[in-house]
Amino acid sequence: MDISNLTIEQIKGLAASPEGDSREFRYALSEDSRAGARAVYKKLLRAENDLALELQRLAKLFIYEEELKARGYHPVAGVDEAGRGPLAGPVVAAAVILPDRAYLAGLNDSKKLTAARREMLAGQIKEIALAWSVGSSSVEEIFIENIHQAGLKAMRRAVEGLALRPAHILVDGFKINRLDCPQTPIINGDGLSASIAAASILAKVARDHIMDSYHKLYPEYGFARHKGYGTEEHLKALFTYGPCPIHRAGYRPVQECLRR
């Protein structure tokens, strides 16, 4: 392939097209003495190396799922929840069944991702998942049952909402009570299992959307910005206006306001 008569801009255009993956184009680039062409070649090599590293990382995230499949458990669902710590709003959980070795670039624990990246991945997860479901527990349930039990209830609801029955469940942290299905709890599972990571993203995005909608009802608290967590802004608003109906009455800062 002869690229000697092409401008650097034309070469960049080829590199961004399907032609950029061809061996002939890569070889021609490597032989081109122009600085601009060499820069394009190095950029392609870096991208290729980054992709290989990402594929290796994603492969490790599927170890739990593949081990279970080898033992005859298929399909496997990952389950996680979001919203244990906030002073307001529900706790939300998600359950996800992914296809084998699904490619989701950047898939990780939702806490390690930006909001924009979570939104993008949530859309991709929903598109390729064999099944997915979201469940929640209300502020009232959190108060009556405590946050741990309410979180387990939200996860149970998410699993029960799956259109496809899982043969095994991988859950972040603790086993889910009252579920007739084998389970494997994994501490920090949202960074170790692809299915749990996917569930953590769906749960976080779903909860963020809920808190955004509450912001429209109670704009003085700033829920769209902090999602109910005990930030300085939130605590100041809480002590200025007092608790609203979605504040968790059993949490200490809210109790202090109620006592006042």
Protein backbone atom coordinates (compact mmCIF):
# COMPACT_ATOMS: atom_id res chain seq x y z
CA MET A 1 0.00 0.00 0.00
CA ASP A 2 1.46 3.34 -1.06
CA ILE A 3 0.63 6.32 1.16
CA SER A 4 3.58 8.50 0.17
CA ASN A 5 1.38 10.78 -1.92
CA LEU A 6 -1.20 11.26 0.82
CA THR A 7 -1.21 14.29 3.10
CA ILE A 8 -0.98 13.79 6.86
CA GLU A 9 -4.63 14.82 7.17
CA GLN A 10 -5.61 12.15 4.64
CA ILE A 11 -3.54 9.60 6.56
CA LYS A 12 -5.31 10.58 9.80
CA GLY A 13 -8.63 10.05 8.04
CA LEU A 14 -7.57 6.57 6.93
CA ALA A 15 -6.35 5.74 10.42
CA ALA A 16 -9.79 6.60 11.82
CA SER A 17 -11.55 4.42 9.22
CA PRO A 18 -11.74 0.59 9.04
CA GLU A 19 -8.67 0.79 6.80
CA GLY A 20 -6.68 1.82 9.86
CA ASP A 21 -6.78 -1.76 11.12
CA SER A 22 -5.27 -3.30 8.00
CA ARG A 23 -1.75 -4.73 8.11
CA GLU A 24 -0.84 -3.05 4.80
CA PHE A 25 -1.73 0.39 6.15
CA ARG A 26 0.13 -0.19 9.42
CA TYR A 27 3.22 -1.36 7.53
CA ALA A 28 3.11 1.62 5.18
CA LEU A 29 2.86 3.94 8.17
CA SER A 30 5.83 2.29 9.87
CA GLU A 31 7.92 2.84 6.74
CA ASP A 32 6.88 6.47 6.23
CA SER A 33 9.64 8.87 7.30
CA ARG A 34 7.40 11.89 7.84
CA ALA A 35 7.02 12.97 11.47
CA GLY A 36 3.27 13.33 11.12
CA ALA A 37 2.89 9.80 9.75
CA ARG A 38 5.07 8.39 12.51
CA ALA A 39 2.92 10.17 15.10
CA VAL A 40 -0.21 8.56 13.63
CA TYR A 41 1.52 5.16 13.71
CA LYS A 42 2.49 5.54 17.37
CA LYS A 43 -1.05 6.61 18.24
CA LEU A 44 -2.45 3.48 16.58
CA LEU A 45 0.02 1.29 18.48
CA ARG A 46 -0.94 2.90 21.79
CA ALA A 47 -4.63 2.37 21.07
CA GLU A 48 -3.96 -1.26 20.18
CA ASN A 49 -2.02 -1.77 23.41
CA ASP A 50 -4.73 -0.03 25.47
CA LEU A 51 -7.37 -2.28 23.92
CA ALA A 52 -5.36 -5.41 24.73
CA LEU A 53 -4.98 -4.29 28.36
CA GLU A 54 -8.69 -3.51 28.62
CA LEU A 55 -9.60 -6.92 27.23
CA GLN A 56 -7.34 -8.55 29.81
CA ARG A 57 -8.94 -6.52 32.60
CA LEU A 58 -12.46 -7.38 31.46
CA ALA A 59 -11.54 -11.07 31.16
CA LYS A 60 -10.57 -11.08 34.86
CA LEU A 61 -13.96 -9.59 35.74
CA PHE A 62 -15.67 -12.67 34.30
CA ILE A 63 -13.70 -15.21 36.37
CA TYR A 64 -16.50 -15.80 38.90
CA GLU A 65 -19.14 -16.15 36.18
CA GLU A 66 -17.00 -18.58 34.16
CA GLU A 67 -16.15 -20.70 37.19
CA LEU A 68 -19.85 -21.04 38.01
CA LYS A 69 -20.69 -21.90 34.41
CA ALA A 70 -18.01 -24.62 34.45
CA ARG A 71 -19.78 -26.07 37.51
CA GLY A 72 -23.10 -26.13 35.65
CA TYR A 73 -24.59 -22.84 36.90
CA HIS A 74 -25.95 -20.78 34.01
CA PRO A 75 -27.18 -18.08 33.75
CA VAL A 76 -25.55 -16.11 36.57
CA ALA A 77 -26.96 -12.83 37.89
CA GLY A 78 -24.97 -10.07 39.57
CA VAL A 79 -26.71 -8.02 42.27
CA ASP A 80 -25.75 -4.78 44.01
CA GLU A 81 -27.39 -1.82 45.69
CA ALA A 82 -26.82 1.93 45.87
CA GLY A 83 -27.75 4.43 48.54
CA ARG A 84 -26.92 2.94 51.95
CA GLY A 85 -25.21 6.11 53.20
CA PRO A 86 -27.38 9.07 52.11
CA LEU A 87 -29.57 10.98 54.55
CA ALA A 88 -32.46 11.03 52.10
CA GLY A 89 -34.13 8.96 49.41
CA PRO A 90 -34.62 5.24 48.84
CA VAL A 91 -32.04 2.49 48.64
CA VAL A 92 -32.01 1.07 45.11
CA ALA A 93 -30.73 -2.28 43.86
CA ALA A 94 -30.24 -3.89 40.46
CA ALA A 95 -29.82 -7.42 39.16
CA VAL A 96 -28.13 -8.12 35.81
CA ILE A 97 -27.52 -11.23 33.73
CA LEU A 98 -24.82 -10.56 31.14
CA PRO A 99 -23.96 -12.64 28.08
CA ASP A 100 -20.71 -14.63 28.29
CA ARG A 101 -17.64 -12.38 28.05
CA ALA A 102 -19.73 -9.34 27.15
CA TYR A 103 -17.52 -6.47 25.97
CA LEU A 104 -18.31 -3.34 27.94
CA ALA A 105 -15.35 -0.99 27.72
CA GLY A 106 -14.71 0.73 31.04
CA LEU A 107 -16.99 -1.56 33.05
CA ASN A 108 -16.08 -1.13 36.72
CA ASP A 109 -17.37 -0.40 40.20
CA SER A 110 -19.84 2.46 39.72
CA LYS A 111 -18.07 4.53 42.40
CA LYS A 112 -14.95 4.65 40.21
CA LEU A 113 -16.79 6.07 37.20
CA THR A 114 -17.95 9.56 36.31
CA ALA A 115 -21.68 10.23 36.09
CA ALA A 116 -21.43 10.56 32.30
CA ARG A 117 -19.59 7.26 32.01
CA ARG A 118 -22.15 5.52 34.22
CA GLU A 119 -24.99 6.81 32.05
CA MET A 120 -23.29 5.58 28.89
CA LEU A 121 -22.55 2.16 30.35
CA ALA A 122 -26.05 1.83 31.79
CA GLY A 123 -27.48 2.19 28.30
CA GLN A 124 -25.04 -0.37 26.90
CA ILE A 125 -25.75 -2.83 29.75
CA LYS A 126 -29.49 -2.64 29.16
CA GLU A 127 -28.98 -3.23 25.43
CA ILE A 128 -26.85 -6.36 25.72
CA ALA A 129 -28.04 -7.90 29.02
CA LEU A 130 -29.96 -11.16 28.82
CA ALA A 131 -32.08 -9.74 31.64
CA TRP A 132 -31.95 -6.81 34.06
CA SER A 133 -34.17 -5.45 36.81
CA VAL A 134 -34.22 -2.67 39.40
CA GLY A 135 -35.80 -2.81 42.86
CA SER A 136 -35.94 -0.37 45.77
CA SER A 137 -36.90 0.10 49.39
CA SER A 138 -38.58 3.29 50.53
CA VAL A 139 -37.58 5.74 53.24
CA GLU A 140 -40.36 4.30 55.41
CA GLU A 141 -38.99 0.77 55.00
CA ILE A 142 -35.49 1.97 55.85
CA PHE A 143 -36.83 3.53 59.06
CA ILE A 144 -38.88 0.49 60.09
CA GLU A 145 -36.47 -2.29 59.13
CA ASN A 146 -33.04 -0.53 59.22
CA ILE A 147 -30.87 0.17 56.20
CA HIS A 148 -29.28 -3.28 56.06
CA GLN A 149 -32.59 -5.13 55.88
CA ALA A 150 -34.04 -2.54 53.51
CA GLY A 151 -31.03 -2.97 51.21
CA LEU A 152 -31.48 -6.75 51.20
CA LYS A 153 -35.18 -6.29 50.42
CA ALA A 154 -34.34 -4.00 47.48
CA MET A 155 -31.90 -6.59 46.12
CA ARG A 156 -34.45 -9.36 46.56
CA ARG A 157 -37.01 -7.31 44.63
CA ALA A 158 -34.49 -6.73 41.85
CA VAL A 159 -33.78 -10.47 41.54
CA GLU A 160 -37.47 -11.34 41.61
CA GLY A 161 -38.06 -8.83 38.83
CA LEU A 162 -35.71 -10.56 36.37
CA ALA A 163 -37.42 -11.92 33.26
CA LEU A 164 -34.90 -14.78 33.23
CA ARG A 165 -34.48 -16.97 36.32
CA PRO A 166 -30.81 -17.14 37.38
CA ALA A 167 -29.20 -20.45 38.30
CA HIS A 168 -26.83 -18.67 40.69
CA ILE A 169 -26.44 -15.19 42.14
CA LEU A 170 -23.27 -13.21 42.74
CA VAL A 171 -24.03 -10.52 45.29
CA ASP A 172 -21.92 -7.68 46.61
CA GLY A 173 -21.36 -8.02 50.34
CA PHE A 174 -24.03 -10.17 51.96
CA LYS A 175 -26.33 -13.02 51.00
CA ILE A 176 -29.89 -12.00 50.23
CA ASN A 177 -32.34 -13.60 52.63
CA ARG A 178 -35.55 -15.32 51.54
CA LEU A 179 -34.32 -16.17 48.05
CA ASP A 180 -34.61 -19.72 46.75
CA CYS A 181 -31.43 -19.60 44.67
CA PRO A 182 -27.76 -20.46 45.31
CA GLN A 183 -25.71 -17.37 46.14
CA THR A 184 -22.09 -16.34 46.45
CA PRO A 185 -21.49 -13.13 48.43
CA ILE A 186 -18.32 -11.28 47.38
CA ILE A 187 -16.82 -8.48 49.47
CA ASN A 188 -16.13 -5.51 47.16
CA GLY A 189 -17.69 -7.59 44.40
CA ASP A 190 -18.49 -4.54 42.29
CA GLY A 191 -14.78 -4.35 41.43
CA LEU A 192 -14.27 -8.11 41.04
CA SER A 193 -17.26 -9.41 39.08
CA ALA A 194 -18.56 -8.10 35.75
CA SER A 195 -22.16 -8.94 36.63
CA ILE A 196 -22.00 -7.19 40.00
CA ALA A 197 -20.24 -4.18 38.44
CA ALA A 198 -23.02 -3.92 35.86
CA ALA A 199 -25.63 -4.14 38.62
CA SER A 200 -23.86 -1.45 40.63
CA ILE A 201 -24.00 0.89 37.63
CA LEU A 202 -27.71 0.32 36.97
CA ALA A 203 -28.54 0.77 40.65
CA LYS A 204 -26.53 3.97 40.95
CA VAL A 205 -27.93 5.50 37.75
CA ALA A 206 -31.51 4.56 38.70
CA ARG A 207 -31.12 6.09 42.15
CA ASP A 208 -29.53 9.25 40.77
CA HIS A 209 -32.51 9.71 38.45
CA ILE A 210 -34.88 9.31 41.41
CA MET A 211 -33.00 11.94 43.39
CA ASP A 212 -33.03 14.28 40.38
CA SER A 213 -36.82 13.99 40.31
CA TYR A 214 -36.98 14.74 44.05
CA HIS A 215 -34.88 17.84 43.41
CA LYS A 216 -37.80 19.24 41.42
CA LEU A 217 -40.11 18.73 44.41
CA TYR A 218 -37.66 19.99 47.05
CA PRO A 219 -35.14 22.24 45.23
CA GLU A 220 -33.98 23.94 48.43
CA TYR A 221 -32.03 20.82 49.49
CA GLY A 222 -29.95 20.44 46.30
CA PHE A 223 -30.68 16.73 45.78
CA ALA A 224 -29.64 16.89 42.10
CA ARG A 225 -26.12 17.78 43.17
CA HIS A 226 -25.43 15.53 46.18
CA LYS A 227 -28.11 12.80 45.70
CA GLY A 228 -28.98 12.91 49.39
CA TYR A 229 -25.49 12.36 50.81
CA GLY A 230 -24.43 14.36 53.86
CA THR A 231 -22.46 17.07 52.11
CA GLU A 232 -21.90 20.48 53.67
CA GLU A 233 -24.52 21.94 51.33
CA HIS A 234 -27.07 19.29 52.28
CA LEU A 235 -26.47 19.57 56.04
CA LYS A 236 -26.79 23.36 55.87
CA ALA A 237 -30.11 23.07 54.02
CA LEU A 238 -31.30 20.36 56.41
CA PHE A 239 -30.70 22.54 59.47
CA THR A 240 -32.14 25.59 57.72
CA TYR A 241 -35.38 24.08 56.40
CA GLY A 242 -35.73 20.96 58.53
CA PRO A 243 -36.35 17.45 57.14
CA CYS A 244 -38.62 16.88 54.17
CA PRO A 245 -40.71 13.71 53.56
CA ILE A 246 -37.85 11.84 51.86
CA HIS A 247 -35.32 12.34 54.65
CA ARG A 248 -34.40 9.23 56.65
CA ALA A 249 -35.76 9.87 60.12
CA GLY A 250 -33.53 7.22 61.71
CA TYR A 251 -30.25 8.86 60.61
CA ARG A 252 -28.48 10.98 63.21
CA PRO A 253 -28.35 14.40 61.43
CA VAL A 254 -32.05 14.08 60.61
CA GLN A 255 -32.85 13.05 64.19
CA GLU A 256 -30.98 16.09 65.48
CA CYS A 257 -33.13 18.33 63.27
CA LEU A 258 -36.29 16.61 64.46
CA ARG A 259 -35.27 17.13 68.09
CA ARG A 260 -34.78 20.81 67.40
